[in-house]
Amino acid sequence: MMNDDMALVRDYAASQSEPAFATLVVRHIALVHSVALRQVGDPHLAQDVTQAVFIIIAQKAGSL
């Protein structure tokens, strides 16, 4: 799965592939949100953190 995820990141970085990024989000959003919720303790703030995580991944995809 990890190699497949990195292939999706590379695809997104190379061609801004929305389907590739969407697949990453679907695969990992529950885990990211769960971790964020445990850390911040507030469901609304955890949603903001989750969104920020995926924004940062999108911005830094080329350097991952």
PDB file of N, CA and C in Angstrom:
ATOM      1  N   MET A   1       0.831  -1.196   0.000  1.00  0.00           N
ATOM      2  CA  MET A   1       0.000   0.000   0.000  1.00  0.00           C
ATOM      3  C   MET A   1       0.872   1.255   0.000  1.00  0.00           C
ATOM      4  N   MET A   2       1.968   1.245   0.760  1.00  0.00           N
ATOM      5  CA  MET A   2       2.817   2.434   0.841  1.00  0.00           C
ATOM      6  C   MET A   2       3.395   2.787  -0.516  1.00  0.00           C
ATOM      7  N   ASN A   3       3.872   1.800  -1.270  1.00  0.00           N
ATOM      8  CA  ASN A   3       4.396   2.080  -2.608  1.00  0.00           C
ATOM      9  C   ASN A   3       3.305   2.623  -3.509  1.00  0.00           C
ATOM     10  N   ASP A   4       2.110   2.057  -3.373  1.00  0.00           N
ATOM     11  CA  ASP A   4       0.980   2.519  -4.163  1.00  0.00           C
ATOM     12  C   ASP A   4       0.634   3.960  -3.797  1.00  0.00           C
ATOM     13  N   ASP A   5       0.684   4.288  -2.517  1.00  0.00           N
ATOM     14  CA  ASP A   5       0.420   5.659  -2.085  1.00  0.00           C
ATOM     15  C   ASP A   5       1.455   6.617  -2.661  1.00  0.00           C
ATOM     16  N   MET A   6       2.701   6.229  -2.638  1.00  0.00           N
ATOM     17  CA  MET A   6       3.736   7.106  -3.192  1.00  0.00           C
ATOM     18  C   MET A   6       3.579   7.259  -4.697  1.00  0.00           C
ATOM     19  N   ALA A   7       3.114   6.233  -5.362  1.00  0.00           N
ATOM     20  CA  ALA A   7       2.842   6.350  -6.797  1.00  0.00           C
ATOM     21  C   ALA A   7       1.738   7.379  -7.034  1.00  0.00           C
ATOM     22  N   LEU A   8       0.739   7.382  -6.168  1.00  0.00           N
ATOM     23  CA  LEU A   8      -0.329   8.374  -6.276  1.00  0.00           C
ATOM     24  C   LEU A   8       0.194   9.779  -6.010  1.00  0.00           C
ATOM     25  N   VAL A   9       1.061   9.924  -5.023  1.00  0.00           N
ATOM     26  CA  VAL A   9       1.661  11.231  -4.729  1.00  0.00           C
ATOM     27  C   VAL A   9       2.474  11.713  -5.925  1.00  0.00           C
ATOM     28  N   ARG A  10       3.274  10.817  -6.502  1.00  0.00           N
ATOM     29  CA  ARG A  10       4.074  11.194  -7.677  1.00  0.00           C
ATOM     30  C   ARG A  10       3.180  11.592  -8.847  1.00  0.00           C
ATOM     31  N   ASP A  11       2.097  10.850  -9.035  1.00  0.00           N
ATOM     32  CA  ASP A  11       1.153  11.161 -10.113  1.00  0.00           C
ATOM     33  C   ASP A  11       0.533  12.536  -9.887  1.00  0.00           C
ATOM     34  N   TYR A  12       0.145  12.805  -8.656  1.00  0.00           N
ATOM     35  CA  TYR A  12      -0.432  14.112  -8.351  1.00  0.00           C
ATOM     36  C   TYR A  12       0.597  15.214  -8.569  1.00  0.00           C
ATOM     37  N   ALA A  13       1.814  14.997  -8.103  1.00  0.00           N
ATOM     38  CA  ALA A  13       2.863  16.011  -8.237  1.00  0.00           C
ATOM     39  C   ALA A  13       3.206  16.284  -9.702  1.00  0.00           C
ATOM     40  N   ALA A  14       3.205  15.245 -10.500  1.00  0.00           N
ATOM     41  CA  ALA A  14       3.597  15.395 -11.902  1.00  0.00           C
ATOM     42  C   ALA A  14       2.515  16.032 -12.757  1.00  0.00           C
ATOM     43  N   SER A  15       1.263  15.677 -12.484  1.00  0.00           N
ATOM     44  CA  SER A  15       0.208  16.125 -13.409  1.00  0.00           C
ATOM     45  C   SER A  15      -1.021  16.711 -12.725  1.00  0.00           C
ATOM     46  N   GLN A  16      -0.897  17.013 -11.415  1.00  0.00           N
ATOM     47  CA  GLN A  16      -2.038  17.547 -10.666  1.00  0.00           C
ATOM     48  C   GLN A  16      -3.284  16.673 -10.824  1.00  0.00           C
ATOM     49  N   SER A  17      -3.071  15.355 -10.800  1.00  0.00           N
ATOM     50  CA  SER A  17      -4.149  14.389 -10.986  1.00  0.00           C
ATOM     51  C   SER A  17      -5.106  14.411  -9.788  1.00  0.00           C
ATOM     52  N   GLU A  18      -6.293  14.971 -10.013  1.00  0.00           N
ATOM     53  CA  GLU A  18      -7.291  14.998  -8.945  1.00  0.00           C
ATOM     54  C   GLU A  18      -7.740  13.602  -8.532  1.00  0.00           C
ATOM     55  N   PRO A  19      -7.910  12.659  -9.467  1.00  0.00           N
ATOM     56  CA  PRO A  19      -8.279  11.297  -9.035  1.00  0.00           C
ATOM     57  C   PRO A  19      -7.220  10.654  -8.130  1.00  0.00           C
ATOM     58  N   ALA A  20      -5.950  10.906  -8.407  1.00  0.00           N
ATOM     59  CA  ALA A  20      -4.882  10.350  -7.572  1.00  0.00           C
ATOM     60  C   ALA A  20      -4.962  10.937  -6.166  1.00  0.00           C
ATOM     61  N   PHE A  21      -5.134  12.242  -6.074  1.00  0.00           N
ATOM     62  CA  PHE A  21      -5.202  12.878  -4.765  1.00  0.00           C
ATOM     63  C   PHE A  21      -6.463  12.453  -4.023  1.00  0.00           C
ATOM     64  N   ALA A  22      -7.562  12.352  -4.731  1.00  0.00           N
ATOM     65  CA  ALA A  22      -8.825  11.921  -4.112  1.00  0.00           C
ATOM     66  C   ALA A  22      -8.688  10.515  -3.534  1.00  0.00           C
ATOM     67  N   THR A  23      -7.979   9.652  -4.237  1.00  0.00           N
ATOM     68  CA  THR A  23      -7.763   8.297  -3.738  1.00  0.00           C
ATOM     69  C   THR A  23      -6.965   8.326  -2.437  1.00  0.00           C
ATOM     70  N   LEU A  24      -5.941   9.162  -2.379  1.00  0.00           N
ATOM     71  CA  LEU A  24      -5.168   9.303  -1.140  1.00  0.00           C
ATOM     72  C   LEU A  24      -6.046   9.795   0.007  1.00  0.00           C
ATOM     73  N   VAL A  25      -6.867  10.776  -0.284  1.00  0.00           N
ATOM     74  CA  VAL A  25      -7.741  11.323   0.759  1.00  0.00           C
ATOM     75  C   VAL A  25      -8.695  10.248   1.269  1.00  0.00           C
ATOM     76  N   VAL A  26      -9.344   9.546   0.360  1.00  0.00           N
ATOM     77  CA  VAL A  26     -10.300   8.511   0.765  1.00  0.00           C
ATOM     78  C   VAL A  26      -9.616   7.437   1.616  1.00  0.00           C
ATOM     79  N   ARG A  27      -8.412   7.071   1.230  1.00  0.00           N
ATOM     80  CA  ARG A  27      -7.686   6.023   1.963  1.00  0.00           C
ATOM     81  C   ARG A  27      -7.289   6.454   3.368  1.00  0.00           C
ATOM     82  N   HIS A  28      -6.977   7.728   3.546  1.00  0.00           N
ATOM     83  CA  HIS A  28      -6.316   8.136   4.787  1.00  0.00           C
ATOM     84  C   HIS A  28      -7.071   9.156   5.630  1.00  0.00           C
ATOM     85  N   ILE A  29      -8.185   9.653   5.155  1.00  0.00           N
ATOM     86  CA  ILE A  29      -8.871  10.716   5.897  1.00  0.00           C
ATOM     87  C   ILE A  29      -9.335  10.262   7.275  1.00  0.00           C
ATOM     88  N   ALA A  30      -9.820   9.057   7.399  1.00  0.00           N
ATOM     89  CA  ALA A  30     -10.305   8.581   8.703  1.00  0.00           C
ATOM     90  C   ALA A  30      -9.163   8.511   9.717  1.00  0.00           C
ATOM     91  N   LEU A  31      -8.026   8.019   9.300  1.00  0.00           N
ATOM     92  CA  LEU A  31      -6.872   7.930  10.199  1.00  0.00           C
ATOM     93  C   LEU A  31      -6.390   9.317  10.601  1.00  0.00           C
ATOM     94  N   VAL A  32      -6.255  10.203   9.624  1.00  0.00           N
ATOM     95  CA  VAL A  32      -5.788  11.559   9.919  1.00  0.00           C
ATOM     96  C   VAL A  32      -6.762  12.255  10.872  1.00  0.00           C
ATOM     97  N   HIS A  33      -8.044  12.129  10.604  1.00  0.00           N
ATOM     98  CA  HIS A  33      -9.035  12.772  11.466  1.00  0.00           C
ATOM     99  C   HIS A  33      -9.011  12.176  12.873  1.00  0.00           C
ATOM    100  N   SER A  34      -8.877  10.878  12.966  1.00  0.00           N
ATOM    101  CA  SER A  34      -8.824  10.214  14.267  1.00  0.00           C
ATOM    102  C   SER A  34      -7.643  10.699  15.103  1.00  0.00           C
ATOM    103  N   VAL A  35      -6.494  10.787  14.480  1.00  0.00           N
ATOM    104  CA  VAL A  35      -5.298  11.264  15.183  1.00  0.00           C
ATOM    105  C   VAL A  35      -5.480  12.725  15.591  1.00  0.00           C
ATOM    106  N   ALA A  36      -6.003  13.533  14.679  1.00  0.00           N
ATOM    107  CA  ALA A  36      -6.222  14.947  14.989  1.00  0.00           C
ATOM    108  C   ALA A  36      -7.200  15.097  16.152  1.00  0.00           C
ATOM    109  N   LEU A  37      -8.256  14.320  16.138  1.00  0.00           N
ATOM    110  CA  LEU A  37      -9.251  14.399  17.205  1.00  0.00           C
ATOM    111  C   LEU A  37      -8.651  14.019  18.557  1.00  0.00           C
ATOM    112  N   ARG A  38      -7.824  12.988  18.569  1.00  0.00           N
ATOM    113  CA  ARG A  38      -7.167  12.601  19.827  1.00  0.00           C
ATOM    114  C   ARG A  38      -6.253  13.717  20.332  1.00  0.00           C
ATOM    115  N   GLN A  39      -5.607  14.415  19.412  1.00  0.00           N
ATOM    116  CA  GLN A  39      -4.668  15.463  19.808  1.00  0.00           C
ATOM    117  C   GLN A  39      -5.366  16.732  20.284  1.00  0.00           C
ATOM    118  N   VAL A  40      -6.403  17.157  19.568  1.00  0.00           N
ATOM    119  CA  VAL A  40      -7.011  18.453  19.886  1.00  0.00           C
ATOM    120  C   VAL A  40      -8.275  18.340  20.733  1.00  0.00           C
ATOM    121  N   GLY A  41      -8.936  17.180  20.703  1.00  0.00           N
ATOM    122  CA  GLY A  41     -10.093  16.953  21.540  1.00  0.00           C
ATOM    123  C   GLY A  41     -11.372  17.669  21.128  1.00  0.00           C
ATOM    124  N   ASP A  42     -11.363  18.311  19.989  1.00  0.00           N
ATOM    125  CA  ASP A  42     -12.537  19.054  19.525  1.00  0.00           C
ATOM    126  C   ASP A  42     -12.833  18.625  18.092  1.00  0.00           C
ATOM    127  N   PRO A  43     -14.036  18.100  17.841  1.00  0.00           N
ATOM    128  CA  PRO A  43     -14.342  17.582  16.495  1.00  0.00           C
ATOM    129  C   PRO A  43     -14.218  18.616  15.378  1.00  0.00           C
ATOM    130  N   HIS A  44     -14.620  19.841  15.652  1.00  0.00           N
ATOM    131  CA  HIS A  44     -14.547  20.873  14.613  1.00  0.00           C
ATOM    132  C   HIS A  44     -13.097  21.268  14.330  1.00  0.00           C
ATOM    133  N   LEU A  45     -12.323  21.391  15.368  1.00  0.00           N
ATOM    134  CA  LEU A  45     -10.908  21.706  15.190  1.00  0.00           C
ATOM    135  C   LEU A  45     -10.187  20.545  14.506  1.00  0.00           C
ATOM    136  N   ALA A  46     -10.574  19.325  14.832  1.00  0.00           N
ATOM    137  CA  ALA A  46      -9.976  18.148  14.185  1.00  0.00           C
ATOM    138  C   ALA A  46     -10.266  18.152  12.691  1.00  0.00           C
ATOM    139  N   GLN A  47     -11.452  18.602  12.296  1.00  0.00           N
ATOM    140  CA  GLN A  47     -11.766  18.714  10.862  1.00  0.00           C
ATOM    141  C   GLN A  47     -10.853  19.739  10.206  1.00  0.00           C
ATOM    142  N   ASP A  48     -10.624  20.856  10.878  1.00  0.00           N
ATOM    143  CA  ASP A  48      -9.727  21.884  10.335  1.00  0.00           C
ATOM    144  C   ASP A  48      -8.304  21.354  10.202  1.00  0.00           C
ATOM    145  N   VAL A  49      -7.851  20.635  11.216  1.00  0.00           N
ATOM    146  CA  VAL A  49      -6.509  20.046  11.177  1.00  0.00           C
ATOM    147  C   VAL A  49      -6.404  19.050  10.029  1.00  0.00           C
ATOM    148  N   THR A  50      -7.419  18.220   9.882  1.00  0.00           N
ATOM    149  CA  THR A  50      -7.426  17.219   8.810  1.00  0.00           C
ATOM    150  C   THR A  50      -7.333  17.900   7.445  1.00  0.00           C
ATOM    151  N   GLN A  51      -8.118  18.944   7.258  1.00  0.00           N
ATOM    152  CA  GLN A  51      -8.075  19.674   5.997  1.00  0.00           C
ATOM    153  C   GLN A  51      -6.685  20.274   5.777  1.00  0.00           C
ATOM    154  N   ALA A  52      -6.106  20.838   6.821  1.00  0.00           N
ATOM    155  CA  ALA A  52      -4.776  21.437   6.706  1.00  0.00           C
ATOM    156  C   ALA A  52      -3.723  20.401   6.328  1.00  0.00           C
ATOM    157  N   VAL A  53      -3.837  19.215   6.898  1.00  0.00           N
ATOM    158  CA  VAL A  53      -2.878  18.147   6.582  1.00  0.00           C
ATOM    159  C   VAL A  53      -2.897  17.843   5.085  1.00  0.00           C
ATOM    160  N   PHE A  54      -4.087  17.701   4.526  1.00  0.00           N
ATOM    161  CA  PHE A  54      -4.164  17.359   3.107  1.00  0.00           C
ATOM    162  C   PHE A  54      -3.781  18.533   2.207  1.00  0.00           C
ATOM    163  N   ILE A  55      -4.007  19.743   2.660  1.00  0.00           N
ATOM    164  CA  ILE A  55      -3.541  20.911   1.897  1.00  0.00           C
ATOM    165  C   ILE A  55      -2.022  20.920   1.856  1.00  0.00           C
ATOM    166  N   ILE A  56      -1.393  20.666   2.984  1.00  0.00           N
ATOM    167  CA  ILE A  56       0.061  20.638   3.035  1.00  0.00           C
ATOM    168  C   ILE A  56       0.622  19.516   2.173  1.00  0.00           C
ATOM    169  N   ILE A  57      -0.011  18.358   2.217  1.00  0.00           N
ATOM    170  CA  ILE A  57       0.438  17.250   1.361  1.00  0.00           C
ATOM    171  C   ILE A  57       0.351  17.655  -0.107  1.00  0.00           C
ATOM    172  N   ALA A  58      -0.744  18.302  -0.494  1.00  0.00           N
ATOM    173  CA  ALA A  58      -0.904  18.734  -1.884  1.00  0.00           C
ATOM    174  C   ALA A  58       0.187  19.730  -2.257  1.00  0.00           C
ATOM    175  N   GLN A  59       0.480  20.673  -1.373  1.00  0.00           N
ATOM    176  CA  GLN A  59       1.492  21.691  -1.647  1.00  0.00           C
ATOM    177  C   GLN A  59       2.895  21.114  -1.733  1.00  0.00           C
ATOM    178  N   LYS A  60       3.174  20.107  -0.932  1.00  0.00           N
ATOM    179  CA  LYS A  60       4.530  19.563  -0.853  1.00  0.00           C
ATOM    180  C   LYS A  60       4.698  18.250  -1.599  1.00  0.00           C
ATOM    181  N   ALA A  61       3.717  17.849  -2.383  1.00  0.00           N
ATOM    182  CA  ALA A  61       3.757  16.559  -3.069  1.00  0.00           C
ATOM    183  C   ALA A  61       5.014  16.378  -3.902  1.00  0.00           C
ATOM    184  N   GLY A  62       5.470  17.423  -4.528  1.00  0.00           N
ATOM    185  CA  GLY A  62       6.662  17.333  -5.373  1.00  0.00           C
ATOM    186  C   GLY A  62       7.935  17.050  -4.611  1.00  0.00           C
ATOM    187  N   SER A  63       7.983  17.396  -3.328  1.00  0.00           N
ATOM    188  CA  SER A  63       9.196  17.169  -2.551  1.00  0.00           C
ATOM    189  C   SER A  63       9.114  15.935  -1.655  1.00  0.00           C
ATOM    190  N   LEU A  64       7.989  15.246  -1.702  1.00  0.00           N
ATOM    191  CA  LEU A  64       7.873  14.021  -0.894  1.00  0.00           C
ATOM    192  C   LEU A  64       8.564  12.921  -1.641  1.00  0.00           C
TER     193      LEU A  64
END
